[in-house]
Amino acid sequence: MGRDFLDPGWNGLPAIEHPLDHEIPVWSEPPAMQPLPDPSGLLQASVAAPAGPAVTGVAVA
């Protein structure tokens, strides 16, 4: 009975578009609901690790 209400051209998969199906300006910017965080804290020079023996995680007997 439910088949009478289905679209005969529908293949059963939801019609979800891929972001890259849009024009380049649309997918080259993040969506307004998910802005990227400020990367300035990641771009600053990090504190150098103290010089010492390299630790590899392997125990030497």
PDB file of N, CA and C in Angstrom:
ATOM      1  N   MET A   1       0.819  -1.188   0.000  1.00  0.00           N
ATOM      2  CA  MET A   1       0.000   0.000   0.000  1.00  0.00           C
ATOM      3  C   MET A   1       0.871   1.263   0.000  1.00  0.00           C
ATOM      4  N   GLY A   2       1.994   1.237   0.724  1.00  0.00           N
ATOM      5  CA  GLY A   2       2.857   2.400   0.783  1.00  0.00           C
ATOM      6  C   GLY A   2       3.547   2.690  -0.530  1.00  0.00           C
ATOM      7  N   ARG A   3       3.676   1.685  -1.392  1.00  0.00           N
ATOM      8  CA  ARG A   3       4.345   1.888  -2.675  1.00  0.00           C
ATOM      9  C   ARG A   3       3.605   2.896  -3.551  1.00  0.00           C
ATOM     10  N   ASP A   4       2.327   3.045  -3.327  1.00  0.00           N
ATOM     11  CA  ASP A   4       1.548   3.986  -4.133  1.00  0.00           C
ATOM     12  C   ASP A   4       1.972   5.429  -3.890  1.00  0.00           C
ATOM     13  N   PHE A   5       2.584   5.701  -2.739  1.00  0.00           N
ATOM     14  CA  PHE A   5       2.962   7.070  -2.384  1.00  0.00           C
ATOM     15  C   PHE A   5       4.433   7.372  -2.665  1.00  0.00           C
ATOM     16  N   LEU A   6       5.205   6.378  -3.074  1.00  0.00           N
ATOM     17  CA  LEU A   6       6.626   6.585  -3.343  1.00  0.00           C
ATOM     18  C   LEU A   6       6.832   7.109  -4.756  1.00  0.00           C
ATOM     19  N   ASP A   7       7.887   7.898  -4.919  1.00  0.00           N
ATOM     20  CA  ASP A   7       8.259   8.400  -6.232  1.00  0.00           C
ATOM     21  C   ASP A   7       8.866   7.243  -7.022  1.00  0.00           C
ATOM     22  N   PRO A   8       8.386   6.936  -8.214  1.00  0.00           N
ATOM     23  CA  PRO A   8       8.938   5.801  -8.962  1.00  0.00           C
ATOM     24  C   PRO A   8      10.394   6.011  -9.379  1.00  0.00           C
ATOM     25  N   GLY A   9      10.866   7.251  -9.433  1.00  0.00           N
ATOM     26  CA  GLY A   9      12.252   7.507  -9.808  1.00  0.00           C
ATOM     27  C   GLY A   9      13.219   7.499  -8.645  1.00  0.00           C
ATOM     28  N   TRP A  10      12.704   7.344  -7.435  1.00  0.00           N
ATOM     29  CA  TRP A  10      13.557   7.378  -6.248  1.00  0.00           C
ATOM     30  C   TRP A  10      14.233   6.036  -6.065  1.00  0.00           C
ATOM     31  N   ASN A  11      15.545   6.023  -5.847  1.00  0.00           N
ATOM     32  CA  ASN A  11      16.290   4.776  -5.732  1.00  0.00           C
ATOM     33  C   ASN A  11      16.441   4.308  -4.293  1.00  0.00           C
ATOM     34  N   GLY A  12      15.866   4.990  -3.335  1.00  0.00           N
ATOM     35  CA  GLY A  12      15.948   4.560  -1.943  1.00  0.00           C
ATOM     36  C   GLY A  12      17.037   5.253  -1.153  1.00  0.00           C
ATOM     37  N   LEU A  13      17.906   6.002  -1.817  1.00  0.00           N
ATOM     38  CA  LEU A  13      18.986   6.709  -1.123  1.00  0.00           C
ATOM     39  C   LEU A  13      18.577   8.159  -0.885  1.00  0.00           C
ATOM     40  N   PRO A  14      18.979   8.736   0.242  1.00  0.00           N
ATOM     41  CA  PRO A  14      18.647  10.145   0.471  1.00  0.00           C
ATOM     42  C   PRO A  14      19.423  11.046  -0.487  1.00  0.00           C
ATOM     43  N   ALA A  15      18.829  12.131  -0.869  1.00  0.00           N
ATOM     44  CA  ALA A  15      19.466  13.070  -1.792  1.00  0.00           C
ATOM     45  C   ALA A  15      20.346  14.027  -0.997  1.00  0.00           C
ATOM     46  N   ILE A  16      21.564  13.590  -0.686  1.00  0.00           N
ATOM     47  CA  ILE A  16      22.521  14.408   0.057  1.00  0.00           C
ATOM     48  C   ILE A  16      23.631  14.800  -0.905  1.00  0.00           C
ATOM     49  N   GLU A  17      23.801  16.082  -1.089  1.00  0.00           N
ATOM     50  CA  GLU A  17      24.837  16.563  -1.996  1.00  0.00           C
ATOM     51  C   GLU A  17      26.189  16.565  -1.302  1.00  0.00           C
ATOM     52  N   HIS A  18      27.230  16.320  -2.073  1.00  0.00           N
ATOM     53  CA  HIS A  18      28.593  16.399  -1.555  1.00  0.00           C
ATOM     54  C   HIS A  18      29.015  17.867  -1.581  1.00  0.00           C
ATOM     55  N   PRO A  19      29.762  18.325  -0.568  1.00  0.00           N
ATOM     56  CA  PRO A  19      30.177  19.744  -0.562  1.00  0.00           C
ATOM     57  C   PRO A  19      30.954  20.155  -1.805  1.00  0.00           C
ATOM     58  N   LEU A  20      31.703  19.237  -2.412  1.00  0.00           N
ATOM     59  CA  LEU A  20      32.495  19.599  -3.581  1.00  0.00           C
ATOM     60  C   LEU A  20      31.661  19.664  -4.855  1.00  0.00           C
ATOM     61  N   ASP A  21      30.375  19.311  -4.779  1.00  0.00           N
ATOM     62  CA  ASP A  21      29.497  19.442  -5.935  1.00  0.00           C
ATOM     63  C   ASP A  21      29.133  20.898  -6.198  1.00  0.00           C
ATOM     64  N   HIS A  22      29.373  21.784  -5.236  1.00  0.00           N
ATOM     65  CA  HIS A  22      29.050  23.203  -5.382  1.00  0.00           C
ATOM     66  C   HIS A  22      30.202  23.930  -6.066  1.00  0.00           C
ATOM     67  N   GLU A  23      29.980  25.187  -6.366  1.00  0.00           N
ATOM     68  CA  GLU A  23      31.030  26.010  -6.965  1.00  0.00           C
ATOM     69  C   GLU A  23      32.173  26.212  -5.968  1.00  0.00           C
ATOM     70  N   ILE A  24      33.359  26.536  -6.455  1.00  0.00           N
ATOM     71  CA  ILE A  24      34.556  26.652  -5.620  1.00  0.00           C
ATOM     72  C   ILE A  24      34.393  27.652  -4.475  1.00  0.00           C
ATOM     73  N   PRO A  25      33.840  28.854  -4.667  1.00  0.00           N
ATOM     74  CA  PRO A  25      33.720  29.776  -3.517  1.00  0.00           C
ATOM     75  C   PRO A  25      32.858  29.224  -2.388  1.00  0.00           C
ATOM     76  N   VAL A  26      31.916  28.362  -2.697  1.00  0.00           N
ATOM     77  CA  VAL A  26      31.025  27.836  -1.662  1.00  0.00           C
ATOM     78  C   VAL A  26      31.772  26.893  -0.733  1.00  0.00           C
ATOM     79  N   TRP A  27      32.617  25.998  -1.281  1.00  0.00           N
ATOM     80  CA  TRP A  27      33.273  25.014  -0.429  1.00  0.00           C
ATOM     81  C   TRP A  27      34.690  25.399  -0.026  1.00  0.00           C
ATOM     82  N   SER A  28      35.184  26.542  -0.477  1.00  0.00           N
ATOM     83  CA  SER A  28      36.525  26.949  -0.068  1.00  0.00           C
ATOM     84  C   SER A  28      36.506  27.714   1.255  1.00  0.00           C
ATOM     85  N   GLU A  29      35.330  28.075   1.744  1.00  0.00           N
ATOM     86  CA  GLU A  29      35.184  28.753   3.028  1.00  0.00           C
ATOM     87  C   GLU A  29      34.425  27.842   3.987  1.00  0.00           C
ATOM     88  N   PRO A  30      34.762  27.863   5.268  1.00  0.00           N
ATOM     89  CA  PRO A  30      34.016  27.037   6.220  1.00  0.00           C
ATOM     90  C   PRO A  30      32.578  27.535   6.359  1.00  0.00           C
ATOM     91  N   PRO A  31      31.656  26.652   6.671  1.00  0.00           N
ATOM     92  CA  PRO A  31      30.275  27.096   6.865  1.00  0.00           C
ATOM     93  C   PRO A  31      30.182  28.096   8.012  1.00  0.00           C
ATOM     94  N   ALA A  32      29.203  28.971   7.960  1.00  0.00           N
ATOM     95  CA  ALA A  32      29.049  29.997   8.988  1.00  0.00           C
ATOM     96  C   ALA A  32      28.771  29.382  10.351  1.00  0.00           C
ATOM     97  N   MET A  33      28.181  28.181  10.384  1.00  0.00           N
ATOM     98  CA  MET A  33      27.869  27.564  11.671  1.00  0.00           C
ATOM     99  C   MET A  33      29.086  26.877  12.280  1.00  0.00           C
ATOM    100  N   GLN A  34      30.166  26.723  11.523  1.00  0.00           N
ATOM    101  CA  GLN A  34      31.361  26.069  12.035  1.00  0.00           C
ATOM    102  C   GLN A  34      32.607  26.873  11.677  1.00  0.00           C
ATOM    103  N   PRO A  35      32.776  28.055  12.254  1.00  0.00           N
ATOM    104  CA  PRO A  35      33.970  28.841  11.927  1.00  0.00           C
ATOM    105  C   PRO A  35      35.220  28.172  12.491  1.00  0.00           C
ATOM    106  N   LEU A  36      36.307  28.348  11.800  1.00  0.00           N
ATOM    107  CA  LEU A  36      37.567  27.779  12.264  1.00  0.00           C
ATOM    108  C   LEU A  36      38.087  28.576  13.457  1.00  0.00           C
ATOM    109  N   PRO A  37      38.760  27.918  14.395  1.00  0.00           N
ATOM    110  CA  PRO A  37      39.318  28.641  15.541  1.00  0.00           C
ATOM    111  C   PRO A  37      40.491  29.515  15.106  1.00  0.00           C
ATOM    112  N   ASP A  38      40.827  30.476  15.939  1.00  0.00           N
ATOM    113  CA  ASP A  38      41.943  31.372  15.655  1.00  0.00           C
ATOM    114  C   ASP A  38      43.251  30.592  15.765  1.00  0.00           C
ATOM    115  N   PRO A  39      44.038  30.486  14.679  1.00  0.00           N
ATOM    116  CA  PRO A  39      45.263  29.690  14.716  1.00  0.00           C
ATOM    117  C   PRO A  39      46.472  30.439  15.263  1.00  0.00           C
ATOM    118  N   SER A  40      46.312  31.670  15.765  1.00  0.00           N
ATOM    119  CA  SER A  40      47.474  32.461  16.181  1.00  0.00           C
ATOM    120  C   SER A  40      48.261  31.772  17.296  1.00  0.00           C
ATOM    121  N   GLY A  41      47.584  31.072  18.201  1.00  0.00           N
ATOM    122  CA  GLY A  41      48.294  30.371  19.267  1.00  0.00           C
ATOM    123  C   GLY A  41      49.130  29.218  18.748  1.00  0.00           C
ATOM    124  N   LEU A  42      48.730  28.634  17.644  1.00  0.00           N
ATOM    125  CA  LEU A  42      49.485  27.521  17.071  1.00  0.00           C
ATOM    126  C   LEU A  42      50.648  27.998  16.217  1.00  0.00           C
ATOM    127  N   LEU A  43      50.570  29.232  15.736  1.00  0.00           N
ATOM    128  CA  LEU A  43      51.603  29.736  14.842  1.00  0.00           C
ATOM    129  C   LEU A  43      52.769  30.378  15.575  1.00  0.00           C
ATOM    130  N   GLN A  44      52.647  30.620  16.880  1.00  0.00           N
ATOM    131  CA  GLN A  44      53.742  31.207  17.636  1.00  0.00           C
ATOM    132  C   GLN A  44      54.831  30.161  17.842  1.00  0.00           C
ATOM    133  N   ALA A  45      56.066  30.627  17.983  1.00  0.00           N
ATOM    134  CA  ALA A  45      57.186  29.712  18.198  1.00  0.00           C
ATOM    135  C   ALA A  45      56.990  28.985  19.516  1.00  0.00           C
ATOM    136  N   SER A  46      57.129  27.686  19.472  1.00  0.00           N
ATOM    137  CA  SER A  46      56.948  26.901  20.693  1.00  0.00           C
ATOM    138  C   SER A  46      58.245  26.887  21.494  1.00  0.00           C
ATOM    139  N   VAL A  47      58.128  26.576  22.768  1.00  0.00           N
ATOM    140  CA  VAL A  47      59.293  26.495  23.642  1.00  0.00           C
ATOM    141  C   VAL A  47      60.084  25.257  23.257  1.00  0.00           C
ATOM    142  N   ALA A  48      61.386  25.416  23.087  1.00  0.00           N
ATOM    143  CA  ALA A  48      62.236  24.295  22.685  1.00  0.00           C
ATOM    144  C   ALA A  48      62.329  23.276  23.812  1.00  0.00           C
ATOM    145  N   ALA A  49      62.399  22.021  23.446  1.00  0.00           N
ATOM    146  CA  ALA A  49      62.535  20.948  24.432  1.00  0.00           C
ATOM    147  C   ALA A  49      63.943  20.987  25.011  1.00  0.00           C
ATOM    148  N   PRO A  50      64.105  20.692  26.300  1.00  0.00           N
ATOM    149  CA  PRO A  50      65.448  20.698  26.888  1.00  0.00           C
ATOM    150  C   PRO A  50      66.335  19.636  26.250  1.00  0.00           C
ATOM    151  N   ALA A  51      67.604  19.993  26.101  1.00  0.00           N
ATOM    152  CA  ALA A  51      68.556  19.057  25.499  1.00  0.00           C
ATOM    153  C   ALA A  51      68.830  17.922  26.470  1.00  0.00           C
ATOM    154  N   GLY A  52      68.856  16.738  25.967  1.00  0.00           N
ATOM    155  CA  GLY A  52      69.103  15.566  26.805  1.00  0.00           C
ATOM    156  C   GLY A  52      69.059  14.319  25.950  1.00  0.00           C
ATOM    157  N   PRO A  53      69.166  13.178  26.596  1.00  0.00           N
ATOM    158  CA  PRO A  53      69.133  11.943  25.810  1.00  0.00           C
ATOM    159  C   PRO A  53      67.756  11.765  25.162  1.00  0.00           C
ATOM    160  N   ALA A  54      67.789  11.267  23.963  1.00  0.00           N
ATOM    161  CA  ALA A  54      66.537  11.052  23.245  1.00  0.00           C
ATOM    162  C   ALA A  54      65.821   9.841  23.826  1.00  0.00           C
ATOM    163  N   VAL A  55      64.556   9.982  24.045  1.00  0.00           N
ATOM    164  CA  VAL A  55      63.758   8.886  24.584  1.00  0.00           C
ATOM    165  C   VAL A  55      62.980   8.285  23.427  1.00  0.00           C
ATOM    166  N   THR A  56      63.174   6.985  23.213  1.00  0.00           N
ATOM    167  CA  THR A  56      62.503   6.326  22.100  1.00  0.00           C
ATOM    168  C   THR A  56      61.356   5.449  22.552  1.00  0.00           C
ATOM    169  N   GLY A  57      61.231   5.198  23.848  1.00  0.00           N
ATOM    170  CA  GLY A  57      60.170   4.340  24.330  1.00  0.00           C
ATOM    171  C   GLY A  57      60.558   2.879  24.355  1.00  0.00           C
ATOM    172  N   VAL A  58      61.805   2.574  24.033  1.00  0.00           N
ATOM    173  CA  VAL A  58      62.270   1.189  24.026  1.00  0.00           C
ATOM    174  C   VAL A  58      63.191   0.998  25.223  1.00  0.00           C
ATOM    175  N   ALA A  59      62.920  -0.020  26.019  1.00  0.00           N
ATOM    176  CA  ALA A  59      63.756  -0.300  27.191  1.00  0.00           C
ATOM    177  C   ALA A  59      65.027  -1.018  26.753  1.00  0.00           C
ATOM    178  N   VAL A  60      66.159  -0.554  27.265  1.00  0.00           N
ATOM    179  CA  VAL A  60      67.443  -1.175  26.954  1.00  0.00           C
ATOM    180  C   VAL A  60      67.966  -1.814  28.226  1.00  0.00           C
ATOM    181  N   ALA A  61      68.304  -3.095  28.145  1.00  0.00           N
ATOM    182  CA  ALA A  61      68.789  -3.805  29.335  1.00  0.00           C
ATOM    183  C   ALA A  61      70.289  -3.810  29.393  1.00  0.00           C
TER     184      ALA A  61
END
